[in-house]
Structure formats: C-alpha cells, structure tokens
C-alpha cells in the first residue's frame, strides 16, 4: 500500500522530463570538466570553476525535487509505521512468501548480510515489511518503465 502511494506521489511531484534533462546536462558538464582538467591552463581553470558553479546549481535543482517528495512522504510513513508497530510489533508473523533468514545479522559486518536459508514462519514485522515493500517497489518500477516506454510514445502521436 505504501509503495503504491509513494509511486503515485512520485509521479505527481517529480517532473521526469526535467529530471532527465538535468541528469543529461550534468553528464555533459562532467565530460567537459574532465577535458578541461586534462588541459590544465589558466583559462581552462576559470572555465572549470564556472562549470562547477553551474553543475552545483543543476545538482541543487535535482535535490530540491527529491526533497519535495520526501517532505510529503515522510509524515505518511511515520504514521503508517507507528500504526503497524502498534498492531504487529513484537509478534511473529507467517509469510506466504519464503523470506531470507539471517543468523547474527549485524549492520557493521557485511558477512552477516548473507542469507543462510529461507523461512516462512516466526518472522518479525519489520523484516516482513521490508522485503514485501522491496518486492512491491521493484514490481511497480517495472510496470512504470513498461508504461513509460509503451503507452506514452503512442499517446504523443
């Protein structure tokens, strides 16, 4: 549910055309900056400084679009997590999908991130939510890409 809400809000608040344009512009600027760094003359340094300033402005535009979405989705997620934690916190749940099982999971030890098997029972709420959200988000991203490539070009004609 939250994944769907996030996708809908993302499509509403982030202008994909502008975002892609800014990303392409940054790639072009990066190429030009690399060329100017190879030259190393005084004129190229000044041009490089101007490019860096322009690149910072473009990067700020990209970040502002992302922040706008975050300010809207953050309260929704906080309320939803609080409610779900109240309902399911501390309970073991049954999953209809086998989820990875970890032994001694520790964020600071990357070797503990390797799953040791699959489990369907006795799963904590946050683990179950995380993997379900991941699966739904990947599915929605795939549907969105297919929609953008197949349906939108036909609508323009």
N, C-alpha and C. Protein backbone atom coordinates (compact mmCIF):
# COMPACT_ATOMS: atom_id res chain seq x y z
N UNK A 1 0.82 -1.19 0.00
CA UNK A 1 0.00 0.00 0.00
C UNK A 1 0.87 1.27 0.00
N UNK A 2 1.86 1.29 0.91
CA UNK A 2 2.73 2.47 0.96
C UNK A 2 3.56 2.61 -0.30
N UNK A 3 3.95 1.49 -0.89
CA UNK A 3 4.70 1.54 -2.14
C UNK A 3 3.89 2.17 -3.25
N UNK A 4 2.61 1.84 -3.33
CA UNK A 4 1.73 2.42 -4.34
C UNK A 4 1.54 3.92 -4.11
N UNK A 5 1.35 4.29 -2.85
CA UNK A 5 1.18 5.71 -2.53
C UNK A 5 2.44 6.49 -2.89
N UNK A 6 3.59 5.92 -2.57
CA UNK A 6 4.86 6.59 -2.91
C UNK A 6 5.01 6.77 -4.41
N UNK A 7 4.69 5.74 -5.19
CA UNK A 7 4.80 5.83 -6.65
C UNK A 7 3.87 6.90 -7.21
N UNK A 8 2.64 6.95 -6.70
CA UNK A 8 1.67 7.95 -7.17
C UNK A 8 2.18 9.35 -6.86
N UNK A 9 2.65 9.56 -5.65
CA UNK A 9 3.17 10.88 -5.27
C UNK A 9 4.43 11.23 -6.06
N UNK A 10 5.26 10.23 -6.33
CA UNK A 10 6.46 10.46 -7.12
C UNK A 10 6.11 10.94 -8.52
N UNK A 11 5.12 10.30 -9.13
CA UNK A 11 4.71 10.70 -10.48
C UNK A 11 4.10 12.10 -10.48
N UNK A 12 3.47 12.48 -9.37
CA UNK A 12 2.82 13.78 -9.30
C UNK A 12 3.82 14.92 -9.03
N UNK A 13 4.78 14.68 -8.15
CA UNK A 13 5.65 15.77 -7.69
C UNK A 13 6.99 15.85 -8.39
N UNK A 14 7.42 14.81 -9.07
CA UNK A 14 8.72 14.86 -9.75
C UNK A 14 8.50 14.90 -11.25
N UNK A 15 8.98 15.96 -11.87
CA UNK A 15 8.89 16.12 -13.32
C UNK A 15 10.03 15.30 -13.94
N UNK A 16 9.67 14.15 -14.51
CA UNK A 16 10.70 13.24 -15.03
C UNK A 16 11.46 13.83 -16.20
N UNK A 17 10.78 14.60 -17.04
CA UNK A 17 11.47 15.20 -18.19
C UNK A 17 12.56 16.16 -17.71
N UNK A 18 12.21 17.00 -16.74
CA UNK A 18 13.18 17.95 -16.22
C UNK A 18 14.32 17.22 -15.51
N UNK A 19 13.99 16.17 -14.77
CA UNK A 19 15.00 15.39 -14.07
C UNK A 19 15.97 14.74 -15.06
N UNK A 20 15.45 14.13 -16.11
CA UNK A 20 16.31 13.52 -17.14
C UNK A 20 17.16 14.58 -17.85
N UNK A 21 16.54 15.73 -18.16
CA UNK A 21 17.27 16.81 -18.80
C UNK A 21 18.44 17.26 -17.93
N UNK A 22 18.18 17.43 -16.63
CA UNK A 22 19.23 17.87 -15.71
C UNK A 22 20.32 16.82 -15.57
N UNK A 23 19.95 15.55 -15.56
CA UNK A 23 20.96 14.49 -15.47
C UNK A 23 21.83 14.45 -16.71
N UNK A 24 21.21 14.59 -17.88
CA UNK A 24 21.99 14.61 -19.12
C UNK A 24 22.92 15.83 -19.15
N UNK A 25 22.40 16.96 -18.69
CA UNK A 25 23.20 18.18 -18.64
C UNK A 25 24.41 17.98 -17.72
N UNK A 26 24.20 17.30 -16.59
CA UNK A 26 25.31 17.05 -15.67
C UNK A 26 26.35 16.12 -16.30
N UNK A 27 25.90 15.12 -17.06
CA UNK A 27 26.84 14.22 -17.74
C UNK A 27 27.70 14.99 -18.73
N UNK A 28 27.05 15.87 -19.50
CA UNK A 28 27.79 16.69 -20.47
C UNK A 28 28.80 17.59 -19.77
N UNK A 29 28.37 18.21 -18.68
CA UNK A 29 29.27 19.08 -17.93
C UNK A 29 30.45 18.28 -17.36
N UNK A 30 30.17 17.07 -16.89
CA UNK A 30 31.23 16.23 -16.33
C UNK A 30 32.27 15.89 -17.40
N UNK A 31 31.80 15.58 -18.62
CA UNK A 31 32.73 15.28 -19.71
C UNK A 31 33.59 16.50 -20.02
N UNK A 32 32.94 17.67 -20.09
CA UNK A 32 33.67 18.89 -20.40
C UNK A 32 34.67 19.22 -19.28
N UNK A 33 34.27 18.98 -18.04
CA UNK A 33 35.17 19.24 -16.91
C UNK A 33 36.39 18.32 -16.97
N UNK A 34 36.19 17.07 -17.34
CA UNK A 34 37.31 16.14 -17.47
C UNK A 34 38.28 16.60 -18.55
N UNK A 35 37.74 17.09 -19.66
CA UNK A 35 38.59 17.60 -20.74
C UNK A 35 39.37 18.82 -20.28
N UNK A 36 38.69 19.72 -19.55
CA UNK A 36 39.36 20.94 -19.08
C UNK A 36 40.44 20.62 -18.05
N UNK A 37 40.23 19.60 -17.24
CA UNK A 37 41.25 19.23 -16.24
C UNK A 37 42.51 18.68 -16.92
N UNK A 38 42.32 18.02 -18.06
CA UNK A 38 43.48 17.49 -18.79
C UNK A 38 44.32 18.62 -19.37
N UNK A 39 43.66 19.70 -19.80
CA UNK A 39 44.39 20.83 -20.40
C UNK A 39 45.25 21.52 -19.35
N UNK A 40 44.64 21.92 -18.22
CA UNK A 40 45.39 22.49 -17.10
C UNK A 40 45.86 23.92 -17.26
N UNK A 41 45.41 24.66 -18.27
CA UNK A 41 45.84 26.06 -18.42
C UNK A 41 45.01 26.97 -17.51
N UNK A 42 45.43 28.23 -17.40
CA UNK A 42 44.73 29.21 -16.56
C UNK A 42 43.32 29.46 -17.08
N UNK A 43 43.17 29.55 -18.39
CA UNK A 43 41.87 29.77 -19.00
C UNK A 43 40.93 28.59 -18.72
N UNK A 44 41.47 27.39 -18.81
CA UNK A 44 40.65 26.19 -18.56
C UNK A 44 40.25 26.10 -17.09
N UNK A 45 41.10 26.59 -16.18
CA UNK A 45 40.75 26.58 -14.75
C UNK A 45 39.57 27.50 -14.48
N UNK A 46 39.58 28.68 -15.10
CA UNK A 46 38.46 29.61 -14.91
C UNK A 46 37.18 29.03 -15.48
N UNK A 47 37.27 28.43 -16.64
CA UNK A 47 36.11 27.80 -17.26
C UNK A 47 35.62 26.63 -16.40
N UNK A 48 36.56 25.92 -15.80
CA UNK A 48 36.23 24.80 -14.92
C UNK A 48 35.48 25.29 -13.68
N UNK A 49 35.91 26.41 -13.13
CA UNK A 49 35.22 26.98 -11.97
C UNK A 49 33.79 27.39 -12.33
N UNK A 50 33.61 27.98 -13.50
CA UNK A 50 32.26 28.34 -13.95
C UNK A 50 31.39 27.10 -14.14
N UNK A 51 31.97 26.07 -14.71
CA UNK A 51 31.23 24.82 -14.91
C UNK A 51 30.85 24.18 -13.57
N UNK A 52 31.75 24.24 -12.60
CA UNK A 52 31.46 23.68 -11.29
C UNK A 52 30.30 24.43 -10.63
N UNK A 53 30.28 25.74 -10.78
CA UNK A 53 29.19 26.54 -10.23
C UNK A 53 27.86 26.18 -10.90
N UNK A 54 27.88 26.05 -12.21
CA UNK A 54 26.68 25.68 -12.95
C UNK A 54 26.22 24.27 -12.58
N UNK A 55 27.19 23.38 -12.41
CA UNK A 55 26.86 22.00 -12.05
C UNK A 55 26.23 21.94 -10.66
N UNK A 56 26.71 22.78 -9.76
CA UNK A 56 26.14 22.85 -8.41
C UNK A 56 24.69 23.31 -8.46
N UNK A 57 24.40 24.28 -9.33
CA UNK A 57 23.02 24.76 -9.48
C UNK A 57 22.10 23.66 -10.02
N UNK A 58 22.58 22.91 -11.00
CA UNK A 58 21.79 21.82 -11.58
C UNK A 58 21.57 20.73 -10.54
N UNK A 59 22.62 20.41 -9.78
CA UNK A 59 22.51 19.41 -8.73
C UNK A 59 21.51 19.85 -7.67
N UNK A 60 21.48 21.14 -7.34
CA UNK A 60 20.53 21.67 -6.36
C UNK A 60 19.10 21.50 -6.85
N UNK A 61 18.87 21.72 -8.15
CA UNK A 61 17.52 21.52 -8.71
C UNK A 61 17.07 20.07 -8.56
N UNK A 62 17.98 19.14 -8.83
CA UNK A 62 17.66 17.72 -8.71
C UNK A 62 17.33 17.38 -7.25
N UNK A 63 18.15 17.86 -6.33
CA UNK A 63 17.92 17.57 -4.92
C UNK A 63 16.62 18.20 -4.41
N UNK A 64 16.29 19.39 -4.89
CA UNK A 64 15.04 20.04 -4.48
C UNK A 64 13.83 19.22 -4.88
N UNK A 65 13.86 18.62 -6.06
CA UNK A 65 12.74 17.78 -6.48
C UNK A 65 12.61 16.57 -5.55
N UNK A 66 13.71 15.96 -5.19
CA UNK A 66 13.68 14.81 -4.30
C UNK A 66 13.22 15.20 -2.90
N UNK A 67 13.67 16.33 -2.42
CA UNK A 67 13.30 16.79 -1.09
C UNK A 67 11.80 17.10 -1.00
N UNK A 68 11.27 17.65 -2.08
CA UNK A 68 9.84 17.96 -2.11
C UNK A 68 9.02 16.69 -1.87
N UNK A 69 9.40 15.61 -2.52
CA UNK A 69 8.71 14.33 -2.34
C UNK A 69 8.92 13.80 -0.93
N UNK A 70 10.13 13.93 -0.39
CA UNK A 70 10.41 13.43 0.94
C UNK A 70 9.56 14.12 2.00
N UNK A 71 9.38 15.42 1.88
CA UNK A 71 8.59 16.16 2.87
C UNK A 71 7.13 15.71 2.88
N UNK A 72 6.67 15.18 1.78
CA UNK A 72 5.28 14.72 1.72
C UNK A 72 5.17 13.27 2.18
N UNK A 73 6.11 12.43 1.77
CA UNK A 73 6.00 11.01 2.12
C UNK A 73 6.46 10.69 3.54
N UNK A 74 7.36 11.48 4.10
CA UNK A 74 7.87 11.19 5.44
C UNK A 74 6.76 11.13 6.49
N UNK A 75 5.87 12.11 6.59
CA UNK A 75 4.79 12.01 7.59
C UNK A 75 3.89 10.79 7.36
N UNK A 76 3.63 10.47 6.10
CA UNK A 76 2.79 9.31 5.80
C UNK A 76 3.45 8.04 6.32
N UNK A 77 4.75 7.89 6.06
CA UNK A 77 5.47 6.70 6.52
C UNK A 77 5.55 6.65 8.05
N UNK A 78 5.79 7.79 8.69
CA UNK A 78 5.88 7.79 10.15
C UNK A 78 4.57 7.36 10.79
N UNK A 79 3.46 7.88 10.30
CA UNK A 79 2.16 7.49 10.83
C UNK A 79 1.89 6.01 10.55
N UNK A 80 2.17 5.57 9.33
CA UNK A 80 1.93 4.16 8.97
C UNK A 80 2.80 3.23 9.80
N UNK A 81 4.08 3.53 9.98
CA UNK A 81 4.96 2.67 10.78
C UNK A 81 4.52 2.64 12.24
N UNK A 82 4.11 3.78 12.76
CA UNK A 82 3.65 3.81 14.15
C UNK A 82 2.42 2.92 14.31
N UNK A 83 1.48 3.04 13.38
CA UNK A 83 0.28 2.21 13.44
C UNK A 83 0.58 0.73 13.28
N UNK A 84 1.43 0.38 12.32
CA UNK A 84 1.77 -1.02 12.10
C UNK A 84 2.57 -1.59 13.28
N UNK A 85 3.44 -0.78 13.87
CA UNK A 85 4.20 -1.23 15.02
C UNK A 85 3.27 -1.48 16.20
N UNK A 86 2.26 -0.63 16.35
CA UNK A 86 1.28 -0.81 17.42
C UNK A 86 0.50 -2.11 17.22
N UNK A 87 0.15 -2.41 15.97
CA UNK A 87 -0.63 -3.61 15.68
C UNK A 87 0.21 -4.89 15.69
N UNK A 88 1.40 -4.84 15.10
CA UNK A 88 2.17 -6.06 14.86
C UNK A 88 3.49 -6.14 15.62
N UNK A 89 3.90 -5.08 16.28
CA UNK A 89 5.21 -5.06 16.95
C UNK A 89 5.35 -6.18 17.97
N UNK A 90 6.47 -6.89 17.93
CA UNK A 90 6.74 -7.96 18.88
C UNK A 90 6.05 -9.27 18.57
N UNK A 91 5.28 -9.35 17.53
CA UNK A 91 4.58 -10.58 17.17
C UNK A 91 5.34 -11.32 16.08
N UNK A 92 5.23 -12.61 16.08
CA UNK A 92 5.79 -13.42 14.99
C UNK A 92 4.69 -13.60 13.95
N UNK A 93 5.05 -13.40 12.70
CA UNK A 93 4.06 -13.45 11.63
C UNK A 93 4.37 -14.59 10.67
N UNK A 94 3.36 -15.05 9.98
CA UNK A 94 3.50 -16.05 8.93
C UNK A 94 3.55 -15.33 7.59
N UNK A 95 4.52 -15.66 6.78
CA UNK A 95 4.64 -15.06 5.45
C UNK A 95 4.22 -16.07 4.39
N UNK A 96 3.50 -15.60 3.38
CA UNK A 96 3.13 -16.51 2.29
C UNK A 96 4.25 -16.61 1.25
N UNK A 97 5.31 -15.82 1.43
CA UNK A 97 6.49 -15.89 0.57
C UNK A 97 7.68 -16.24 1.47
N UNK A 98 8.51 -17.16 1.03
CA UNK A 98 9.70 -17.51 1.80
C UNK A 98 10.68 -16.34 1.75
N UNK A 99 11.06 -15.87 2.91
CA UNK A 99 11.97 -14.72 3.02
C UNK A 99 13.34 -15.19 3.49
N UNK A 100 14.39 -14.45 3.15
CA UNK A 100 15.75 -14.84 3.57
C UNK A 100 15.88 -14.88 5.10
N UNK A 101 16.64 -15.82 5.58
CA UNK A 101 16.89 -15.96 7.01
C UNK A 101 18.36 -15.61 7.26
N UNK A 102 18.59 -14.80 8.29
CA UNK A 102 19.95 -14.37 8.64
C UNK A 102 20.26 -14.83 10.05
N UNK A 103 21.52 -15.19 10.29
CA UNK A 103 21.96 -15.53 11.64
C UNK A 103 22.95 -14.49 12.10
N UNK A 104 22.69 -13.90 13.25
CA UNK A 104 23.61 -12.91 13.82
C UNK A 104 23.77 -11.69 12.94
N UNK A 105 22.67 -11.18 12.36
CA UNK A 105 22.75 -10.04 11.46
C UNK A 105 23.32 -8.83 12.19
N UNK A 106 24.33 -8.20 11.58
CA UNK A 106 24.98 -7.04 12.13
C UNK A 106 25.27 -6.07 10.98
N UNK A 107 24.77 -4.85 11.08
CA UNK A 107 24.96 -3.86 10.01
C UNK A 107 26.43 -3.57 9.74
N UNK A 108 27.29 -3.68 10.77
CA UNK A 108 28.69 -3.35 10.61
C UNK A 108 29.52 -4.50 10.04
N UNK A 109 28.93 -5.69 9.96
CA UNK A 109 29.64 -6.84 9.44
C UNK A 109 28.99 -7.32 8.14
N UNK A 110 29.54 -6.95 6.99
CA UNK A 110 28.92 -7.33 5.71
C UNK A 110 28.77 -8.83 5.51
N UNK A 111 29.60 -9.64 6.16
CA UNK A 111 29.47 -11.09 6.01
C UNK A 111 28.19 -11.62 6.65
N UNK A 112 27.65 -10.88 7.61
CA UNK A 112 26.40 -11.32 8.25
C UNK A 112 25.18 -11.00 7.38
N UNK A 113 25.38 -10.30 6.28
CA UNK A 113 24.27 -9.95 5.39
C UNK A 113 23.92 -11.10 4.45
N UNK A 114 24.72 -12.15 4.45
CA UNK A 114 24.49 -13.28 3.55
C UNK A 114 23.41 -14.18 4.16
N UNK A 115 22.32 -14.42 3.44
CA UNK A 115 21.27 -15.29 3.99
C UNK A 115 21.75 -16.72 4.16
N UNK A 116 21.26 -17.38 5.20
CA UNK A 116 21.65 -18.77 5.45
C UNK A 116 20.53 -19.74 5.10
N UNK A 117 19.42 -19.24 4.61
CA UNK A 117 18.29 -20.09 4.24
C UNK A 117 17.04 -19.26 4.03
N UNK A 118 15.91 -19.93 3.93
CA UNK A 118 14.63 -19.26 3.75
C UNK A 118 13.70 -19.65 4.89
N UNK A 119 12.79 -18.74 5.25
CA UNK A 119 11.84 -19.02 6.31
C UNK A 119 10.48 -18.43 5.96
N UNK A 120 9.42 -19.04 6.48
CA UNK A 120 8.07 -18.53 6.27
C UNK A 120 7.33 -18.28 7.57
N UNK A 121 7.85 -18.78 8.70
CA UNK A 121 7.15 -18.58 9.97
C UNK A 121 8.09 -17.94 10.99
N UNK A 122 7.49 -17.29 11.97
CA UNK A 122 8.26 -16.65 13.02
C UNK A 122 9.02 -15.43 12.56
N UNK A 123 8.47 -14.74 11.58
CA UNK A 123 9.13 -13.57 11.00
C UNK A 123 8.65 -12.31 11.72
N UNK A 124 9.58 -11.43 12.03
CA UNK A 124 9.23 -10.16 12.66
C UNK A 124 8.58 -9.21 11.66
N UNK A 125 7.81 -8.27 12.19
CA UNK A 125 7.06 -7.33 11.37
C UNK A 125 7.95 -6.50 10.46
N UNK A 126 9.03 -5.91 10.99
CA UNK A 126 9.86 -5.02 10.18
C UNK A 126 10.56 -5.76 9.04
N UNK A 127 11.02 -6.97 9.32
CA UNK A 127 11.67 -7.76 8.28
C UNK A 127 10.67 -8.10 7.18
N UNK A 128 9.50 -8.51 7.58
CA UNK A 128 8.46 -8.87 6.61
C UNK A 128 8.07 -7.64 5.78
N UNK A 129 7.87 -6.51 6.47
CA UNK A 129 7.50 -5.29 5.76
C UNK A 129 8.59 -4.89 4.78
N UNK A 130 9.85 -4.93 5.21
CA UNK A 130 10.96 -4.52 4.36
C UNK A 130 10.99 -5.33 3.06
N UNK A 131 10.92 -6.66 3.17
CA UNK A 131 11.00 -7.49 1.97
C UNK A 131 9.75 -7.36 1.10
N UNK A 132 8.58 -7.24 1.70
CA UNK A 132 7.37 -7.04 0.90
C UNK A 132 7.43 -5.70 0.17
N UNK A 133 7.88 -4.66 0.87
CA UNK A 133 8.00 -3.33 0.25
C UNK A 133 9.00 -3.37 -0.91
N UNK A 134 10.10 -4.07 -0.70
CA UNK A 134 11.11 -4.21 -1.75
C UNK A 134 10.53 -4.90 -2.98
N UNK A 135 9.80 -5.98 -2.78
CA UNK A 135 9.20 -6.72 -3.89
C UNK A 135 8.17 -5.87 -4.62
N UNK A 136 7.29 -5.20 -3.87
CA UNK A 136 6.26 -4.37 -4.49
C UNK A 136 6.89 -3.19 -5.23
N UNK A 137 7.90 -2.55 -4.64
CA UNK A 137 8.55 -1.41 -5.30
C UNK A 137 9.21 -1.82 -6.61
N UNK A 138 9.90 -2.96 -6.60
CA UNK A 138 10.53 -3.43 -7.84
C UNK A 138 9.47 -3.72 -8.90
N UNK A 139 8.37 -4.33 -8.50
CA UNK A 139 7.28 -4.60 -9.44
C UNK A 139 6.67 -3.32 -10.00
N UNK A 140 6.44 -2.33 -9.13
CA UNK A 140 5.87 -1.06 -9.59
C UNK A 140 6.84 -0.32 -10.51
N UNK A 141 8.14 -0.39 -10.22
CA UNK A 141 9.13 0.24 -11.10
C UNK A 141 9.12 -0.40 -12.48
N UNK A 142 8.99 -1.72 -12.52
CA UNK A 142 8.93 -2.43 -13.79
C UNK A 142 7.68 -2.03 -14.58
N UNK A 143 6.53 -1.98 -13.91
CA UNK A 143 5.28 -1.57 -14.56
C UNK A 143 5.40 -0.14 -15.07
N UNK A 144 6.00 0.73 -14.27
CA UNK A 144 6.16 2.13 -14.67
C UNK A 144 7.04 2.27 -15.89
N UNK A 145 8.13 1.52 -15.95
CA UNK A 145 9.03 1.58 -17.11
C UNK A 145 8.33 1.08 -18.36
N UNK A 146 7.58 -0.01 -18.24
CA UNK A 146 6.84 -0.53 -19.39
C UNK A 146 5.81 0.50 -19.84
N UNK A 147 5.10 1.10 -18.89
CA UNK A 147 4.10 2.12 -19.22
C UNK A 147 4.74 3.31 -19.92
N UNK A 148 5.85 3.79 -19.39
CA UNK A 148 6.52 4.96 -19.98
C UNK A 148 7.03 4.68 -21.38
N UNK A 149 7.49 3.46 -21.64
CA UNK A 149 8.06 3.14 -22.96
C UNK A 149 7.01 2.73 -23.97
N UNK A 150 5.96 2.06 -23.55
CA UNK A 150 4.99 1.52 -24.49
C UNK A 150 3.79 2.46 -24.72
N UNK A 151 3.22 2.99 -23.65
CA UNK A 151 1.97 3.74 -23.77
C UNK A 151 2.21 5.21 -24.07
N UNK A 152 3.13 5.84 -23.37
CA UNK A 152 3.34 7.28 -23.56
C UNK A 152 3.75 7.64 -24.99
N UNK A 153 4.68 6.91 -25.63
CA UNK A 153 5.02 7.28 -27.02
C UNK A 153 3.81 7.21 -27.95
N UNK A 154 2.91 6.26 -27.73
CA UNK A 154 1.72 6.14 -28.57
C UNK A 154 0.78 7.32 -28.35
N UNK A 155 0.75 7.84 -27.12
CA UNK A 155 -0.12 8.97 -26.80
C UNK A 155 0.35 10.24 -27.49
N UNK A 156 1.67 10.36 -27.72
CA UNK A 156 2.22 11.58 -28.34
C UNK A 156 1.87 11.67 -29.81
N UNK A 157 1.70 10.53 -30.50
CA UNK A 157 1.46 10.51 -31.94
C UNK A 157 0.13 11.03 -32.31
